[in-house]
């Protein structure tokens, strides 16, 4: 039951944003913010996992928030074969 109480909130948070969830869990494990962390979650506190999650979160944030047309104009939209209806 203890594992279920730990995993259930993590699954809800991952539905919101996976990379941010990994960052929060990783920092919690690394700095001891949560006592009695299950053994399987200690890998999230390692530096490579935290760096990868941070980089992927920043990439996902910018790709999600900035439209493709602002980044490279209509040339990219035509290059990738996207129609004007798709972006509206």
N, C-alpha and C. Protein backbone atom coordinates (compact mmCIF):
# COMPACT_ATOMS: atom_id res chain seq x y z
N UNK A 1 0.82 -1.20 0.00
CA UNK A 1 0.00 0.00 0.00
C UNK A 1 0.86 1.26 0.00
N UNK A 2 2.03 1.19 0.62
CA UNK A 2 2.91 2.36 0.67
C UNK A 2 3.41 2.73 -0.72
N UNK A 3 3.71 1.73 -1.54
CA UNK A 3 4.16 2.01 -2.91
C UNK A 3 3.04 2.65 -3.72
N UNK A 4 1.82 2.20 -3.51
CA UNK A 4 0.67 2.78 -4.22
C UNK A 4 0.49 4.24 -3.84
N UNK A 5 0.66 4.56 -2.56
CA UNK A 5 0.52 5.95 -2.11
C UNK A 5 1.62 6.85 -2.68
N UNK A 6 2.74 6.29 -3.04
CA UNK A 6 3.81 7.07 -3.65
C UNK A 6 3.63 7.20 -5.16
N UNK A 7 3.24 6.13 -5.80
CA UNK A 7 3.15 6.13 -7.26
C UNK A 7 1.93 6.88 -7.77
N UNK A 8 0.81 6.83 -7.08
CA UNK A 8 -0.42 7.48 -7.55
C UNK A 8 -0.25 8.99 -7.75
N UNK A 9 0.26 9.74 -6.78
CA UNK A 9 0.47 11.17 -7.04
C UNK A 9 1.45 11.45 -8.16
N UNK A 10 2.48 10.60 -8.30
CA UNK A 10 3.44 10.79 -9.38
C UNK A 10 2.80 10.59 -10.73
N UNK A 11 1.87 9.64 -10.84
CA UNK A 11 1.22 9.42 -12.13
C UNK A 11 0.31 10.59 -12.50
N UNK A 12 -0.34 11.19 -11.52
CA UNK A 12 -1.17 12.36 -11.81
C UNK A 12 -0.30 13.54 -12.24
N UNK A 13 0.82 13.73 -11.58
CA UNK A 13 1.71 14.83 -11.94
C UNK A 13 2.33 14.60 -13.31
N UNK A 14 2.63 13.36 -13.65
CA UNK A 14 3.21 13.06 -14.96
C UNK A 14 2.22 13.33 -16.07
N UNK A 15 0.94 13.23 -15.79
CA UNK A 15 -0.07 13.57 -16.79
C UNK A 15 -0.04 15.05 -17.11
N UNK A 16 0.41 15.85 -16.18
CA UNK A 16 0.50 17.29 -16.42
C UNK A 16 1.74 17.60 -17.25
N UNK A 17 2.90 17.13 -16.81
CA UNK A 17 4.14 17.35 -17.55
C UNK A 17 5.17 16.33 -17.07
N UNK A 18 5.56 15.43 -17.92
CA UNK A 18 6.45 14.34 -17.54
C UNK A 18 7.83 14.84 -17.10
N UNK A 19 8.43 15.73 -17.86
CA UNK A 19 9.79 16.15 -17.55
C UNK A 19 9.84 16.97 -16.27
N UNK A 20 8.84 17.79 -16.04
CA UNK A 20 8.79 18.56 -14.80
C UNK A 20 8.59 17.64 -13.60
N UNK A 21 7.81 16.60 -13.77
CA UNK A 21 7.62 15.62 -12.70
C UNK A 21 8.92 14.92 -12.37
N UNK A 22 9.66 14.53 -13.39
CA UNK A 22 10.96 13.88 -13.15
C UNK A 22 11.91 14.84 -12.43
N UNK A 23 11.89 16.11 -12.81
CA UNK A 23 12.73 17.09 -12.13
C UNK A 23 12.36 17.24 -10.65
N UNK A 24 11.09 17.37 -10.37
CA UNK A 24 10.65 17.56 -8.98
C UNK A 24 10.96 16.32 -8.15
N UNK A 25 10.67 15.15 -8.68
CA UNK A 25 10.98 13.91 -7.95
C UNK A 25 12.49 13.77 -7.78
N UNK A 26 13.25 14.09 -8.81
CA UNK A 26 14.70 13.98 -8.72
C UNK A 26 15.30 14.91 -7.68
N UNK A 27 14.85 16.16 -7.65
CA UNK A 27 15.35 17.08 -6.63
C UNK A 27 14.89 16.66 -5.24
N UNK A 28 13.68 16.13 -5.14
CA UNK A 28 13.19 15.66 -3.84
C UNK A 28 14.03 14.51 -3.31
N UNK A 29 14.40 13.60 -4.20
CA UNK A 29 15.24 12.47 -3.80
C UNK A 29 16.65 12.94 -3.49
N UNK A 30 17.19 13.80 -4.34
CA UNK A 30 18.60 14.22 -4.20
C UNK A 30 18.83 15.02 -2.92
N UNK A 31 17.89 15.91 -2.58
CA UNK A 31 18.08 16.78 -1.43
C UNK A 31 17.34 16.32 -0.18
N UNK A 32 16.71 15.14 -0.24
CA UNK A 32 16.09 14.55 0.94
C UNK A 32 14.82 15.25 1.40
N UNK A 33 14.08 15.85 0.48
CA UNK A 33 12.84 16.55 0.85
C UNK A 33 11.74 15.58 1.24
N UNK A 34 11.82 14.35 0.72
CA UNK A 34 10.82 13.33 1.02
C UNK A 34 11.51 12.20 1.78
N UNK A 35 11.06 11.91 3.01
CA UNK A 35 11.69 10.82 3.74
C UNK A 35 11.21 9.45 3.23
N UNK A 36 12.06 8.47 3.41
CA UNK A 36 11.73 7.07 3.08
C UNK A 36 11.31 6.90 1.62
N UNK A 37 12.15 7.32 0.71
CA UNK A 37 11.87 7.18 -0.72
C UNK A 37 12.08 5.72 -1.12
N UNK A 38 11.17 5.15 -1.91
CA UNK A 38 11.37 3.77 -2.38
C UNK A 38 12.67 3.65 -3.18
N UNK A 39 13.28 2.49 -3.11
CA UNK A 39 14.59 2.27 -3.74
C UNK A 39 14.56 2.52 -5.24
N UNK A 40 13.46 2.24 -5.90
CA UNK A 40 13.38 2.42 -7.34
C UNK A 40 13.39 3.86 -7.80
N UNK A 41 13.14 4.80 -6.89
CA UNK A 41 13.10 6.21 -7.27
C UNK A 41 14.43 6.93 -7.07
N UNK A 42 15.43 6.26 -6.52
CA UNK A 42 16.72 6.91 -6.29
C UNK A 42 17.43 7.27 -7.59
N UNK A 43 17.13 6.59 -8.66
CA UNK A 43 17.77 6.89 -9.94
C UNK A 43 17.38 8.29 -10.44
N UNK A 44 16.21 8.79 -10.04
CA UNK A 44 15.79 10.12 -10.47
C UNK A 44 16.65 11.23 -9.88
N UNK A 45 17.36 10.94 -8.81
CA UNK A 45 18.21 11.94 -8.18
C UNK A 45 19.59 12.04 -8.76
N UNK A 46 19.92 11.22 -9.73
CA UNK A 46 21.27 11.28 -10.33
C UNK A 46 21.40 12.49 -11.26
N UNK A 47 22.61 12.97 -11.37
CA UNK A 47 22.86 14.17 -12.17
C UNK A 47 22.49 13.99 -13.65
N UNK A 48 22.82 12.87 -14.31
CA UNK A 48 22.44 12.75 -15.72
C UNK A 48 20.93 12.80 -15.95
N UNK A 49 20.17 12.19 -15.04
CA UNK A 49 18.71 12.21 -15.19
C UNK A 49 18.17 13.62 -14.98
N UNK A 50 18.69 14.33 -13.99
CA UNK A 50 18.24 15.70 -13.75
C UNK A 50 18.59 16.63 -14.91
N UNK A 51 19.78 16.48 -15.46
CA UNK A 51 20.19 17.31 -16.59
C UNK A 51 19.33 17.01 -17.82
N UNK A 52 19.14 15.74 -18.12
CA UNK A 52 18.32 15.37 -19.28
C UNK A 52 16.89 15.84 -19.13
N UNK A 53 16.31 15.68 -17.95
CA UNK A 53 14.93 16.13 -17.73
C UNK A 53 14.82 17.64 -17.84
N UNK A 54 15.82 18.36 -17.34
CA UNK A 54 15.80 19.82 -17.43
C UNK A 54 15.90 20.31 -18.86
N UNK A 55 16.80 19.73 -19.63
CA UNK A 55 16.95 20.12 -21.03
C UNK A 55 15.69 19.79 -21.83
N UNK A 56 15.16 18.59 -21.63
CA UNK A 56 13.94 18.21 -22.35
C UNK A 56 12.74 19.06 -21.94
N UNK A 57 12.67 19.46 -20.68
CA UNK A 57 11.58 20.33 -20.25
C UNK A 57 11.66 21.70 -20.94
N UNK A 58 12.85 22.25 -21.01
CA UNK A 58 13.01 23.56 -21.68
C UNK A 58 12.65 23.45 -23.16
N UNK A 59 13.10 22.40 -23.83
CA UNK A 59 12.77 22.21 -25.25
C UNK A 59 11.26 22.06 -25.42
N UNK A 60 10.64 21.23 -24.59
CA UNK A 60 9.20 21.02 -24.70
C UNK A 60 8.44 22.31 -24.43
N UNK A 61 8.88 23.10 -23.47
CA UNK A 61 8.20 24.35 -23.14
C UNK A 61 8.21 25.29 -24.34
N UNK A 62 9.37 25.48 -24.96
CA UNK A 62 9.45 26.41 -26.08
C UNK A 62 8.74 25.89 -27.32
N UNK A 63 8.82 24.61 -27.58
CA UNK A 63 8.14 24.04 -28.75
C UNK A 63 6.63 24.13 -28.57
N UNK A 64 6.17 23.97 -27.35
CA UNK A 64 4.74 24.01 -27.08
C UNK A 64 4.19 25.43 -27.10
N UNK A 65 4.96 26.40 -26.65
CA UNK A 65 4.45 27.77 -26.48
C UNK A 65 4.68 28.68 -27.67
N UNK A 66 5.68 28.40 -28.47
CA UNK A 66 6.00 29.29 -29.60
C UNK A 66 5.57 28.62 -30.90
N UNK A 67 4.68 29.25 -31.66
CA UNK A 67 4.24 28.65 -32.92
C UNK A 67 5.39 28.55 -33.93
N UNK A 68 5.30 27.57 -34.79
CA UNK A 68 6.33 27.34 -35.80
C UNK A 68 6.45 28.54 -36.74
N UNK A 69 5.37 29.20 -37.04
CA UNK A 69 5.41 30.34 -37.96
C UNK A 69 6.21 31.51 -37.40
N UNK A 70 6.24 31.66 -36.08
CA UNK A 70 7.03 32.74 -35.48
C UNK A 70 8.51 32.40 -35.55
N UNK A 71 8.85 31.14 -35.39
CA UNK A 71 10.26 30.74 -35.37
C UNK A 71 10.91 30.91 -36.74
N UNK A 72 10.28 30.43 -37.79
CA UNK A 72 10.95 30.50 -39.09
C UNK A 72 10.03 30.98 -40.21
N UNK A 73 8.89 31.55 -39.89
CA UNK A 73 8.02 32.13 -40.91
C UNK A 73 7.28 31.09 -41.73
N UNK A 74 6.69 31.54 -42.79
CA UNK A 74 5.88 30.65 -43.62
C UNK A 74 6.73 29.69 -44.43
N UNK A 75 8.03 29.98 -44.56
CA UNK A 75 8.90 29.07 -45.30
C UNK A 75 8.91 27.68 -44.68
N UNK A 76 9.01 27.61 -43.36
CA UNK A 76 9.02 26.30 -42.68
C UNK A 76 7.69 25.59 -42.85
N UNK A 77 6.62 26.36 -42.79
CA UNK A 77 5.30 25.75 -42.93
C UNK A 77 5.17 25.13 -44.32
N UNK A 78 5.61 25.83 -45.34
CA UNK A 78 5.55 25.28 -46.70
C UNK A 78 6.56 24.15 -46.88
N UNK A 79 7.72 24.28 -46.26
CA UNK A 79 8.75 23.26 -46.38
C UNK A 79 8.28 21.93 -45.80
N UNK A 80 7.62 21.98 -44.66
CA UNK A 80 7.15 20.75 -44.01
C UNK A 80 5.80 20.29 -44.53
N UNK A 81 5.23 21.00 -45.48
CA UNK A 81 3.99 20.60 -46.09
C UNK A 81 2.76 20.84 -45.24
N UNK A 82 2.84 21.78 -44.34
CA UNK A 82 1.70 22.09 -43.47
C UNK A 82 0.84 23.15 -44.14
N UNK A 83 -0.42 22.96 -44.11
CA UNK A 83 -1.32 23.94 -44.74
C UNK A 83 -1.62 25.07 -43.77
N UNK A 84 -2.15 26.16 -44.30
CA UNK A 84 -2.52 27.31 -43.47
C UNK A 84 -3.70 26.95 -42.58
N UNK A 85 -4.54 26.04 -43.00
CA UNK A 85 -5.69 25.63 -42.18
C UNK A 85 -5.24 24.88 -40.93
N UNK A 86 -4.14 24.18 -41.02
CA UNK A 86 -3.67 23.40 -39.89
C UNK A 86 -3.32 24.29 -38.70
N UNK A 87 -2.73 25.45 -38.95
CA UNK A 87 -2.30 26.33 -37.86
C UNK A 87 -3.39 27.22 -37.33
N UNK A 88 -4.55 27.24 -37.97
CA UNK A 88 -5.62 28.12 -37.47
C UNK A 88 -6.65 27.36 -36.67
